[in-house]
PDB file of N, CA and C in Angstrom:
ATOM      1  N   UNK A   1       0.808  -0.829  -0.245  1.00  0.00           N
ATOM      2  CA  UNK A   1      -0.069  -0.020   0.283  1.00  0.00           C
ATOM      3  C   UNK A   1       0.869   1.271  -0.012  1.00  0.00           C
ATOM      4  N   UNK A   2       0.486   2.245  -0.703  1.00  0.00           N
ATOM      5  CA  UNK A   2       1.152   3.849  -0.895  1.00  0.00           C
ATOM      6  C   UNK A   2       0.525   4.403   0.803  1.00  0.00           C
ATOM      7  N   UNK A   3       1.741   5.164   0.995  1.00  0.00           N
ATOM      8  CA  UNK A   3       1.733   6.515   2.078  1.00  0.00           C
ATOM      9  C   UNK A   3       0.505   6.716   2.127  1.00  0.00           C
ATOM     10  N   UNK A   4       0.376   7.663   1.093  1.00  0.00           N
ATOM     11  CA  UNK A   4      -1.000   8.455   0.684  1.00  0.00           C
ATOM     12  C   UNK A   4      -2.007   7.642   1.019  1.00  0.00           C
ATOM     13  N   UNK A   5      -2.617   6.650   0.524  1.00  0.00           N
ATOM     14  CA  UNK A   5      -3.483   5.684   0.644  1.00  0.00           C
ATOM     15  C   UNK A   5      -3.758   5.378   2.152  1.00  0.00           C
ATOM     16  N   UNK A   6      -2.900   5.148   3.060  1.00  0.00           N
ATOM     17  CA  UNK A   6      -2.846   5.066   4.265  1.00  0.00           C
ATOM     18  C   UNK A   6      -3.175   6.425   5.278  1.00  0.00           C
ATOM     19  N   UNK A   7      -2.806   7.329   4.768  1.00  0.00           N
ATOM     20  CA  UNK A   7      -3.284   8.867   5.042  1.00  0.00           C
ATOM     21  C   UNK A   7      -4.822   8.895   4.862  1.00  0.00           C
ATOM     22  N   UNK A   8      -5.224   8.706   3.519  1.00  0.00           N
ATOM     23  CA  UNK A   8      -6.637   8.755   3.244  1.00  0.00           C
ATOM     24  C   UNK A   8      -7.591   7.956   4.417  1.00  0.00           C
ATOM     25  N   UNK A   9      -6.919   6.463   4.760  1.00  0.00           N
ATOM     26  CA  UNK A   9      -7.704   5.558   5.497  1.00  0.00           C
ATOM     27  C   UNK A   9      -7.698   5.868   6.724  1.00  0.00           C
ATOM     28  N   UNK A  10      -6.639   6.581   7.309  1.00  0.00           N
ATOM     29  CA  UNK A  10      -6.684   7.302   8.416  1.00  0.00           C
ATOM     30  C   UNK A  10      -7.812   8.464   8.690  1.00  0.00           C
ATOM     31  N   UNK A  11      -8.092   9.327   7.711  1.00  0.00           N
ATOM     32  CA  UNK A  11      -8.514  10.327   7.925  1.00  0.00           C
ATOM     33  C   UNK A  11     -10.091  10.273   7.305  1.00  0.00           C
ATOM     34  N   UNK A  12     -10.391   8.859   7.068  1.00  0.00           N
ATOM     35  CA  UNK A  12     -11.866   8.531   6.517  1.00  0.00           C
ATOM     36  C   UNK A  12     -12.646   8.335   7.854  1.00  0.00           C
ATOM     37  N   UNK A  13     -13.787   8.858   7.612  1.00  0.00           N
ATOM     38  CA  UNK A  13     -14.666   8.684   8.516  1.00  0.00           C
ATOM     39  C   UNK A  13     -15.984   7.455   8.553  1.00  0.00           C
ATOM     40  N   UNK A  14     -15.565   6.516   7.546  1.00  0.00           N
ATOM     41  CA  UNK A  14     -16.072   5.254   7.223  1.00  0.00           C
ATOM     42  C   UNK A  14     -14.957   4.140   7.554  1.00  0.00           C
ATOM     43  N   UNK A  15     -15.466   2.912   7.728  1.00  0.00           N
ATOM     44  CA  UNK A  15     -14.646   1.742   7.998  1.00  0.00           C
ATOM     45  C   UNK A  15     -13.957   0.999   6.589  1.00  0.00           C
ATOM     46  N   UNK A  16     -12.583   1.082   6.693  1.00  0.00           N
ATOM     47  CA  UNK A  16     -12.169   0.377   5.405  1.00  0.00           C
ATOM     48  C   UNK A  16     -11.200  -0.668   5.904  1.00  0.00           C
ATOM     49  N   UNK A  17     -11.651  -2.053   5.515  1.00  0.00           N
ATOM     50  CA  UNK A  17     -10.997  -2.924   5.767  1.00  0.00           C
ATOM     51  C   UNK A  17      -9.568  -2.777   5.426  1.00  0.00           C
ATOM     52  N   UNK A  18      -8.688  -2.993   6.398  1.00  0.00           N
ATOM     53  CA  UNK A  18      -7.039  -3.076   6.171  1.00  0.00           C
ATOM     54  C   UNK A  18      -6.291  -4.795   6.597  1.00  0.00           C
ATOM     55  N   UNK A  19      -5.762  -5.047   5.907  1.00  0.00           N
ATOM     56  CA  UNK A  19      -4.898  -6.384   6.221  1.00  0.00           C
ATOM     57  C   UNK A  19      -3.455  -6.239   5.991  1.00  0.00           C
ATOM     58  N   UNK A  20      -2.849  -6.971   7.012  1.00  0.00           N
ATOM     59  CA  UNK A  20      -1.660  -7.334   7.444  1.00  0.00           C
ATOM     60  C   UNK A  20      -1.190  -8.762   7.149  1.00  0.00           C
ATOM     61  N   UNK A  21      -0.382  -9.355   6.202  1.00  0.00           N
ATOM     62  CA  UNK A  21      -0.206 -10.844   6.084  1.00  0.00           C
ATOM     63  C   UNK A  21      -1.668 -11.651   6.468  1.00  0.00           C
ATOM     64  N   UNK A  22      -2.599 -10.797   5.578  1.00  0.00           N
ATOM     65  CA  UNK A  22      -3.928 -11.796   5.569  1.00  0.00           C
ATOM     66  C   UNK A  22      -4.646 -11.693   6.883  1.00  0.00           C
ATOM     67  N   UNK A  23      -4.452 -11.056   8.147  1.00  0.00           N
ATOM     68  CA  UNK A  23      -5.107 -10.579   9.200  1.00  0.00           C
ATOM     69  C   UNK A  23      -5.695  -9.425   9.217  1.00  0.00           C
ATOM     70  N   UNK A  24      -6.846  -9.113   9.894  1.00  0.00           N
ATOM     71  CA  UNK A  24      -7.463  -7.601   9.812  1.00  0.00           C
ATOM     72  C   UNK A  24      -6.832  -6.921  10.998  1.00  0.00           C
ATOM     73  N   UNK A  25      -6.644  -5.609  10.459  1.00  0.00           N
ATOM     74  CA  UNK A  25      -5.724  -4.656  11.436  1.00  0.00           C
ATOM     75  C   UNK A  25      -6.485  -3.492  11.535  1.00  0.00           C
ATOM     76  N   UNK A  26      -6.287  -2.766  12.727  1.00  0.00           N
ATOM     77  CA  UNK A  26      -6.773  -1.468  12.583  1.00  0.00           C
ATOM     78  C   UNK A  26      -5.680  -0.451  12.737  1.00  0.00           C
ATOM     79  N   UNK A  27      -5.752   0.591  12.041  1.00  0.00           N
ATOM     80  CA  UNK A  27      -4.259   1.304  11.542  1.00  0.00           C
ATOM     81  C   UNK A  27      -4.174   2.555  12.686  1.00  0.00           C
ATOM     82  N   UNK A  28      -3.307   2.418  13.749  1.00  0.00           N
ATOM     83  CA  UNK A  28      -3.249   3.713  15.041  1.00  0.00           C
ATOM     84  C   UNK A  28      -2.579   4.595  14.413  1.00  0.00           C
ATOM     85  N   UNK A  29      -1.617   4.951  13.521  1.00  0.00           N
ATOM     86  CA  UNK A  29      -1.169   6.059  13.146  1.00  0.00           C
ATOM     87  C   UNK A  29       0.519   5.898  12.904  1.00  0.00           C
ATOM     88  N   UNK A  30       0.902   6.994  11.903  1.00  0.00           N
ATOM     89  CA  UNK A  30       2.061   6.716  11.024  1.00  0.00           C
ATOM     90  C   UNK A  30       3.114   7.395  12.219  1.00  0.00           C
ATOM     91  N   UNK A  31       4.325   6.790  12.403  1.00  0.00           N
ATOM     92  CA  UNK A  31       5.080   7.216  13.432  1.00  0.00           C
ATOM     93  C   UNK A  31       5.863   8.547  12.858  1.00  0.00           C
ATOM     94  N   UNK A  32       6.486   8.413  11.753  1.00  0.00           N
ATOM     95  CA  UNK A  32       7.090   9.426  11.194  1.00  0.00           C
ATOM     96  C   UNK A  32       7.008   9.308   9.609  1.00  0.00           C
ATOM     97  N   UNK A  33       6.990  10.329   8.860  1.00  0.00           N
ATOM     98  CA  UNK A  33       6.716  10.389   7.255  1.00  0.00           C
ATOM     99  C   UNK A  33       8.139   9.506   6.839  1.00  0.00           C
ATOM    100  N   UNK A  34       8.860   9.713   7.443  1.00  0.00           N
ATOM    101  CA  UNK A  34      10.331   9.123   6.913  1.00  0.00           C
ATOM    102  C   UNK A  34      10.284   7.477   6.678  1.00  0.00           C
ATOM    103  N   UNK A  35      10.037   7.161   7.898  1.00  0.00           N
ATOM    104  CA  UNK A  35      10.445   5.726   8.385  1.00  0.00           C
ATOM    105  C   UNK A  35       9.636   4.728   7.397  1.00  0.00           C
ATOM    106  N   UNK A  36       8.553   4.973   6.880  1.00  0.00           N
ATOM    107  CA  UNK A  36       7.939   4.096   5.971  1.00  0.00           C
ATOM    108  C   UNK A  36       7.029   3.287   6.962  1.00  0.00           C
ATOM    109  N   UNK A  37       7.042   3.172   8.448  1.00  0.00           N
ATOM    110  CA  UNK A  37       6.223   2.289   9.073  1.00  0.00           C
ATOM    111  C   UNK A  37       4.857   2.830   9.799  1.00  0.00           C
ATOM    112  N   UNK A  38       3.917   2.076  10.323  1.00  0.00           N
ATOM    113  CA  UNK A  38       2.818   2.363  10.915  1.00  0.00           C
ATOM    114  C   UNK A  38       2.355   1.611  11.928  1.00  0.00           C
ATOM    115  N   UNK A  39       1.922   1.866  12.979  1.00  0.00           N
ATOM    116  CA  UNK A  39       1.535   1.436  14.031  1.00  0.00           C
ATOM    117  C   UNK A  39       0.121   0.818  13.812  1.00  0.00           C
ATOM    118  N   UNK A  40      -0.072  -0.566  13.880  1.00  0.00           N
ATOM    119  CA  UNK A  40      -1.336  -1.359  13.605  1.00  0.00           C
ATOM    120  C   UNK A  40      -1.628  -1.995  15.024  1.00  0.00           C
ATOM    121  N   UNK A  41      -2.808  -2.535  15.274  1.00  0.00           N
ATOM    122  CA  UNK A  41      -3.390  -3.381  16.337  1.00  0.00           C
ATOM    123  C   UNK A  41      -4.206  -4.292  15.307  1.00  0.00           C
ATOM    124  N   UNK A  42      -3.857  -5.565  15.889  1.00  0.00           N
ATOM    125  CA  UNK A  42      -4.295  -7.046  15.091  1.00  0.00           C
ATOM    126  C   UNK A  42      -5.718  -6.791  15.973  1.00  0.00           C
ATOM    127  N   UNK A  43      -6.714  -6.905  15.017  1.00  0.00           N
ATOM    128  CA  UNK A  43      -8.151  -7.173  15.661  1.00  0.00           C
ATOM    129  C   UNK A  43      -8.406  -8.473  16.032  1.00  0.00           C
ATOM    130  N   UNK A  44      -7.618  -9.431  15.955  1.00  0.00           N
ATOM    131  CA  UNK A  44      -8.019 -10.625  16.309  1.00  0.00           C
ATOM    132  C   UNK A  44      -7.423 -11.134  17.720  1.00  0.00           C
ATOM    133  N   UNK A  45      -6.239 -10.410  18.151  1.00  0.00           N
ATOM    134  CA  UNK A  45      -5.600 -10.522  19.503  1.00  0.00           C
ATOM    135  C   UNK A  45      -5.117  -9.267  20.044  1.00  0.00           C
ATOM    136  N   UNK A  46      -5.596  -8.246  19.603  1.00  0.00           N
ATOM    137  CA  UNK A  46      -5.242  -6.846  20.060  1.00  0.00           C
ATOM    138  C   UNK A  46      -3.672  -6.327  20.295  1.00  0.00           C
ATOM    139  N   UNK A  47      -2.862  -7.190  19.767  1.00  0.00           N
ATOM    140  CA  UNK A  47      -1.698  -6.970  19.763  1.00  0.00           C
ATOM    141  C   UNK A  47      -1.367  -5.615  19.063  1.00  0.00           C
ATOM    142  N   UNK A  48      -0.544  -4.811  19.419  1.00  0.00           N
ATOM    143  CA  UNK A  48       0.080  -3.717  18.667  1.00  0.00           C
ATOM    144  C   UNK A  48       1.185  -3.698  18.337  1.00  0.00           C
ATOM    145  N   UNK A  49       1.726  -3.570  16.923  1.00  0.00           N
ATOM    146  CA  UNK A  49       3.037  -3.305  16.576  1.00  0.00           C
ATOM    147  C   UNK A  49       3.100  -2.678  15.605  1.00  0.00           C
ATOM    148  N   UNK A  50       4.396  -2.538  15.035  1.00  0.00           N
ATOM    149  CA  UNK A  50       4.823  -1.553  13.812  1.00  0.00           C
ATOM    150  C   UNK A  50       4.906  -2.324  12.551  1.00  0.00           C
ATOM    151  N   UNK A  51       4.846  -2.177  11.321  1.00  0.00           N
ATOM    152  CA  UNK A  51       4.810  -2.892  10.260  1.00  0.00           C
ATOM    153  C   UNK A  51       5.009  -1.929   9.100  1.00  0.00           C
ATOM    154  N   UNK A  52       5.714  -2.306   8.135  1.00  0.00           N
ATOM    155  CA  UNK A  52       6.113  -1.652   6.777  1.00  0.00           C
ATOM    156  C   UNK A  52       4.727  -1.302   6.149  1.00  0.00           C
ATOM    157  N   UNK A  53       4.330   0.043   5.692  1.00  0.00           N
ATOM    158  CA  UNK A  53       3.100   0.301   5.088  1.00  0.00           C
ATOM    159  C   UNK A  53       3.115  -0.423   3.680  1.00  0.00           C
ATOM    160  N   UNK A  54       4.148  -0.773   3.347  1.00  0.00           N
ATOM    161  CA  UNK A  54       4.193  -1.538   2.058  1.00  0.00           C
ATOM    162  C   UNK A  54       3.573  -2.853   2.012  1.00  0.00           C
ATOM    163  N   UNK A  55       3.306  -3.434   3.362  1.00  0.00           N
ATOM    164  CA  UNK A  55       2.915  -4.726   3.513  1.00  0.00           C
ATOM    165  C   UNK A  55       1.512  -4.659   3.768  1.00  0.00           C
ATOM    166  N   UNK A  56       0.956  -3.561   3.900  1.00  0.00           N
ATOM    167  CA  UNK A  56      -0.623  -3.491   4.086  1.00  0.00           C
ATOM    168  C   UNK A  56      -1.377  -3.786   2.818  1.00  0.00           C
ATOM    169  N   UNK A  57      -2.833  -4.369   2.723  1.00  0.00           N
ATOM    170  CA  UNK A  57      -3.466  -4.498   1.498  1.00  0.00           C
ATOM    171  C   UNK A  57      -4.936  -4.098   2.210  1.00  0.00           C
ATOM    172  N   UNK A  58      -5.550  -3.682   1.091  1.00  0.00           N
ATOM    173  CA  UNK A  58      -6.964  -3.591   1.383  1.00  0.00           C
ATOM    174  C   UNK A  58      -8.200  -4.444   0.643  1.00  0.00           C
TER     175      UNK A  58
END
């Protein structure tokens, strides 16, 4: 996924399904614009972790 698409999803008022390694995740927020990482929450385990934005899918 591209960084601009992530920003659109974060600013969206609706629900947009996002997946990381085929698991549903909630986008918590981008750490910095330079590192290409984002904090996500696994919706099945509630675990939070940073992932590379390019590994996210919709």
